[in-house]
Structures are given as structure tokens and as C-alpha cells.
């Protein structure tokens, strides 16, 4: 599977525009984005997407091992869509 493609059915998920956009944003950003940044960018494509939807989607994508989450204590969590080993 390439970095931007996901087999939604194999992952046990239904493909929705919100899930697709959030995953694309995480996987295309090289700076490990925060949920707030993802929400801001997602609103450019889906103006009515809520921050709660972004958080739910990120949690679901993480549970399905489609993205990684890095939490830094008091700092906001950051997300990474690169699934192979890297620095």
C-alpha cells in the first residue's frame, strides 16, 4: 500500500469525505501536525467539519494503525502518517 492509498474495506472502515481528508492531511504533512492544524486545513475543503469530528477521526485512524500519534505531556498531540521506520 502506498503512503496516500488506503483500502478502507480491509481496514474495517467506511470511506467518508471527512476520513479521507483527515488522512490525506496527516499523510501529506511533513511536520507532524496537531489536531488544530488538521482541523483548520480540513475546513478549507469541508467548511462544516467540526473539531470533534477531526478528533474522532484521528482516534479511529490511530486505532486502525493508519496513523501514529505522539503525545508530549503538556504539548498537544501530533500525528504522523508515515508508517515505516524513519527519523
N, C-alpha and C. Protein backbone atom coordinates (compact mmCIF):
# COMPACT_ATOMS: atom_id res chain seq x y z
N UNK A 1 0.85 -1.19 0.00
CA UNK A 1 0.00 0.00 0.00
C UNK A 1 0.89 1.25 0.00
N UNK A 2 0.64 2.18 -0.92
CA UNK A 2 1.44 3.39 -0.93
C UNK A 2 0.98 4.33 0.18
N UNK A 3 1.75 5.40 0.39
CA UNK A 3 1.50 6.29 1.51
C UNK A 3 0.15 7.00 1.47
N UNK A 4 -0.38 7.28 0.29
CA UNK A 4 -1.63 8.03 0.22
C UNK A 4 -2.85 7.16 -0.06
N UNK A 5 -2.65 5.88 -0.30
CA UNK A 5 -3.77 4.99 -0.58
C UNK A 5 -4.08 4.16 0.66
N UNK A 6 -5.35 3.94 0.89
CA UNK A 6 -5.76 3.04 1.97
C UNK A 6 -6.91 2.19 1.46
N UNK A 7 -6.89 0.94 1.81
CA UNK A 7 -8.00 0.04 1.49
C UNK A 7 -8.97 0.13 2.67
N UNK A 8 -9.95 1.01 2.54
CA UNK A 8 -10.87 1.28 3.64
C UNK A 8 -11.59 0.01 4.09
N UNK A 9 -12.00 -0.80 3.15
CA UNK A 9 -12.72 -2.03 3.50
C UNK A 9 -11.82 -2.97 4.30
N UNK A 10 -10.58 -3.14 3.87
CA UNK A 10 -9.65 -4.01 4.59
C UNK A 10 -9.37 -3.48 6.00
N UNK A 11 -9.41 -2.17 6.15
CA UNK A 11 -9.20 -1.55 7.46
C UNK A 11 -10.44 -1.65 8.34
N UNK A 12 -11.55 -2.11 7.76
CA UNK A 12 -12.79 -2.22 8.52
C UNK A 12 -13.50 -0.90 8.70
N UNK A 13 -13.27 0.01 7.76
CA UNK A 13 -13.86 1.35 7.84
C UNK A 13 -14.63 1.69 6.58
N UNK A 14 -15.64 2.50 6.76
CA UNK A 14 -16.35 3.06 5.62
C UNK A 14 -15.62 4.34 5.22
N UNK A 15 -15.42 4.52 3.93
CA UNK A 15 -14.75 5.73 3.45
C UNK A 15 -15.74 6.88 3.47
N UNK A 16 -15.39 7.95 4.18
CA UNK A 16 -16.21 9.16 4.20
C UNK A 16 -15.32 10.32 3.75
N UNK A 17 -15.91 11.39 3.26
CA UNK A 17 -15.09 12.54 2.87
C UNK A 17 -14.24 13.07 4.03
N UNK A 18 -14.81 13.07 5.23
CA UNK A 18 -14.08 13.57 6.40
C UNK A 18 -12.86 12.70 6.70
N UNK A 19 -13.05 11.38 6.69
CA UNK A 19 -11.93 10.47 6.96
C UNK A 19 -10.86 10.60 5.89
N UNK A 20 -11.28 10.69 4.64
CA UNK A 20 -10.33 10.81 3.54
C UNK A 20 -9.50 12.08 3.68
N UNK A 21 -10.15 13.20 3.96
CA UNK A 21 -9.44 14.48 4.07
C UNK A 21 -8.48 14.47 5.25
N UNK A 22 -8.93 13.99 6.40
CA UNK A 22 -8.05 13.97 7.58
C UNK A 22 -6.84 13.09 7.31
N UNK A 23 -7.06 11.91 6.76
CA UNK A 23 -5.93 11.02 6.46
C UNK A 23 -4.99 11.65 5.46
N UNK A 24 -5.51 12.25 4.40
CA UNK A 24 -4.65 12.91 3.40
C UNK A 24 -3.82 14.02 4.04
N UNK A 25 -4.43 14.79 4.91
CA UNK A 25 -3.69 15.89 5.55
C UNK A 25 -2.58 15.37 6.45
N UNK A 26 -2.86 14.34 7.22
CA UNK A 26 -1.83 13.78 8.10
C UNK A 26 -0.70 13.19 7.27
N UNK A 27 -1.04 12.45 6.24
CA UNK A 27 -0.03 11.75 5.44
C UNK A 27 0.76 12.69 4.53
N UNK A 28 0.21 13.84 4.19
CA UNK A 28 0.93 14.75 3.29
C UNK A 28 1.72 15.82 4.02
N UNK A 29 1.51 15.96 5.31
CA UNK A 29 2.23 16.98 6.08
C UNK A 29 3.53 16.38 6.62
N UNK A 30 4.63 17.09 6.44
CA UNK A 30 5.93 16.60 6.87
C UNK A 30 6.31 17.10 8.26
N UNK A 31 5.43 17.84 8.90
CA UNK A 31 5.76 18.46 10.18
C UNK A 31 5.02 17.87 11.37
N UNK A 32 4.43 16.69 11.24
CA UNK A 32 3.66 16.07 12.33
C UNK A 32 2.62 17.06 12.88
N UNK A 33 1.53 17.20 12.17
CA UNK A 33 0.54 18.22 12.52
C UNK A 33 -0.22 17.92 13.80
N UNK A 34 -0.77 18.99 14.38
CA UNK A 34 -1.66 18.86 15.52
C UNK A 34 -3.10 18.74 15.01
N UNK A 35 -4.00 18.36 15.89
CA UNK A 35 -5.41 18.26 15.52
C UNK A 35 -5.95 19.63 15.11
N UNK A 36 -5.52 20.68 15.78
CA UNK A 36 -5.99 22.03 15.42
C UNK A 36 -5.57 22.40 14.00
N UNK A 37 -4.32 22.11 13.64
CA UNK A 37 -3.85 22.41 12.29
C UNK A 37 -4.64 21.60 11.27
N UNK A 38 -4.83 20.32 11.56
CA UNK A 38 -5.59 19.45 10.66
C UNK A 38 -7.01 20.00 10.49
N UNK A 39 -7.61 20.43 11.58
CA UNK A 39 -8.96 21.00 11.51
C UNK A 39 -9.00 22.25 10.64
N UNK A 40 -8.05 23.14 10.83
CA UNK A 40 -8.00 24.36 10.01
C UNK A 40 -7.88 24.03 8.54
N UNK A 41 -7.00 23.10 8.20
CA UNK A 41 -6.81 22.73 6.80
C UNK A 41 -8.01 21.99 6.24
N UNK A 42 -8.60 21.12 7.04
CA UNK A 42 -9.77 20.36 6.60
C UNK A 42 -10.94 21.29 6.29
N UNK A 43 -11.07 22.37 7.04
CA UNK A 43 -12.17 23.32 6.82
C UNK A 43 -12.06 24.03 5.47
N UNK A 44 -10.86 24.06 4.90
CA UNK A 44 -10.71 24.63 3.56
C UNK A 44 -11.38 23.75 2.52
N UNK A 45 -11.48 22.46 2.80
CA UNK A 45 -12.11 21.51 1.87
C UNK A 45 -13.54 21.17 2.27
N UNK A 46 -13.77 21.05 3.58
CA UNK A 46 -15.10 20.72 4.10
C UNK A 46 -15.41 21.78 5.16
N UNK A 47 -16.02 22.90 4.76
CA UNK A 47 -16.19 24.03 5.67
C UNK A 47 -16.92 23.73 6.98
N UNK A 48 -17.81 22.75 6.98
CA UNK A 48 -18.58 22.49 8.20
C UNK A 48 -18.02 21.35 9.05
N UNK A 49 -16.81 20.86 8.76
CA UNK A 49 -16.22 19.80 9.58
C UNK A 49 -15.89 20.37 10.96
N UNK A 50 -16.28 19.65 11.99
CA UNK A 50 -16.06 20.14 13.36
C UNK A 50 -14.74 19.61 13.91
N UNK A 51 -14.25 20.29 14.93
CA UNK A 51 -13.04 19.83 15.60
C UNK A 51 -13.29 18.47 16.24
N UNK A 52 -14.49 18.26 16.75
CA UNK A 52 -14.83 16.96 17.36
C UNK A 52 -14.74 15.84 16.32
N UNK A 53 -15.19 16.10 15.09
CA UNK A 53 -15.08 15.11 14.03
C UNK A 53 -13.63 14.80 13.71
N UNK A 54 -12.80 15.82 13.69
CA UNK A 54 -11.37 15.62 13.44
C UNK A 54 -10.77 14.75 14.54
N UNK A 55 -11.07 15.05 15.80
CA UNK A 55 -10.54 14.25 16.90
C UNK A 55 -11.03 12.80 16.83
N UNK A 56 -12.31 12.60 16.57
CA UNK A 56 -12.85 11.23 16.45
C UNK A 56 -12.18 10.48 15.31
N UNK A 57 -12.00 11.17 14.20
CA UNK A 57 -11.38 10.55 13.03
C UNK A 57 -9.93 10.19 13.32
N UNK A 58 -9.20 11.09 13.94
CA UNK A 58 -7.80 10.80 14.29
C UNK A 58 -7.72 9.59 15.22
N UNK A 59 -8.60 9.53 16.21
CA UNK A 59 -8.61 8.40 17.14
C UNK A 59 -8.88 7.10 16.40
N UNK A 60 -9.85 7.11 15.50
CA UNK A 60 -10.21 5.92 14.73
C UNK A 60 -9.07 5.49 13.81
N UNK A 61 -8.47 6.44 13.11
CA UNK A 61 -7.35 6.12 12.22
C UNK A 61 -6.16 5.55 13.00
N UNK A 62 -5.95 6.07 14.21
CA UNK A 62 -4.88 5.56 15.06
C UNK A 62 -5.20 4.13 15.52
N UNK A 63 -6.44 3.89 15.92
CA UNK A 63 -6.84 2.55 16.36
C UNK A 63 -6.69 1.51 15.25
N UNK A 64 -6.85 1.94 14.00
CA UNK A 64 -6.73 1.04 12.85
C UNK A 64 -5.30 1.00 12.31
N UNK A 65 -4.37 1.62 13.03
CA UNK A 65 -2.95 1.65 12.65
C UNK A 65 -2.71 2.27 11.27
N UNK A 66 -3.50 3.29 10.95
CA UNK A 66 -3.31 4.01 9.70
C UNK A 66 -2.47 5.27 9.90
N UNK A 67 -2.35 5.70 11.16
CA UNK A 67 -1.51 6.84 11.53
C UNK A 67 -0.91 6.55 12.91
N UNK A 68 0.08 7.35 13.29
CA UNK A 68 0.68 7.28 14.62
C UNK A 68 0.39 8.59 15.34
N UNK A 69 0.29 8.49 16.66
CA UNK A 69 0.12 9.68 17.50
C UNK A 69 1.30 9.79 18.44
N UNK A 70 1.81 11.02 18.58
CA UNK A 70 2.88 11.31 19.51
C UNK A 70 2.34 12.32 20.51
N UNK A 71 2.32 11.96 21.77
CA UNK A 71 1.85 12.91 22.77
C UNK A 71 3.05 13.39 23.58
N UNK A 72 3.03 14.67 23.87
CA UNK A 72 4.16 15.28 24.55
C UNK A 72 3.80 15.89 25.88
N UNK A 73 3.06 15.17 26.70
CA UNK A 73 2.71 15.70 28.02
C UNK A 73 1.79 16.89 27.91
N UNK A 74 2.32 18.08 28.25
CA UNK A 74 1.51 19.29 28.22
C UNK A 74 1.32 19.83 26.80
N UNK A 75 2.17 19.38 25.88
CA UNK A 75 2.05 19.82 24.49
C UNK A 75 0.93 19.05 23.80
N UNK A 76 0.31 19.65 22.78
CA UNK A 76 -0.73 18.92 22.05
C UNK A 76 -0.15 17.72 21.31
N UNK A 77 -0.95 16.69 21.16
CA UNK A 77 -0.53 15.51 20.40
C UNK A 77 -0.24 15.92 18.97
N UNK A 78 0.67 15.18 18.36
CA UNK A 78 0.99 15.35 16.95
C UNK A 78 0.80 14.02 16.26
N UNK A 79 0.55 14.08 14.96
CA UNK A 79 0.19 12.89 14.22
C UNK A 79 1.13 12.68 13.04
N UNK A 80 1.34 11.41 12.71
CA UNK A 80 2.25 11.05 11.64
C UNK A 80 1.61 9.97 10.79
N UNK A 81 1.58 10.18 9.49
CA UNK A 81 1.00 9.21 8.58
C UNK A 81 2.02 8.31 7.93
N UNK A 82 3.30 8.51 8.23
CA UNK A 82 4.34 7.64 7.70
C UNK A 82 4.44 6.42 8.60
N UNK A 83 4.12 5.27 8.05
CA UNK A 83 4.03 4.07 8.87
C UNK A 83 5.32 3.27 8.93
N UNK A 84 6.26 3.54 8.03
CA UNK A 84 7.53 2.82 8.08
C UNK A 84 8.50 3.57 8.98
N UNK A 85 9.56 2.88 9.39
CA UNK A 85 10.56 3.48 10.26
C UNK A 85 11.21 4.68 9.58
N UNK A 86 11.35 5.76 10.33
CA UNK A 86 12.00 6.97 9.83
C UNK A 86 12.40 7.83 11.02
N UNK A 87 13.25 8.83 10.75
CA UNK A 87 13.69 9.71 11.84
C UNK A 87 12.71 10.83 12.04
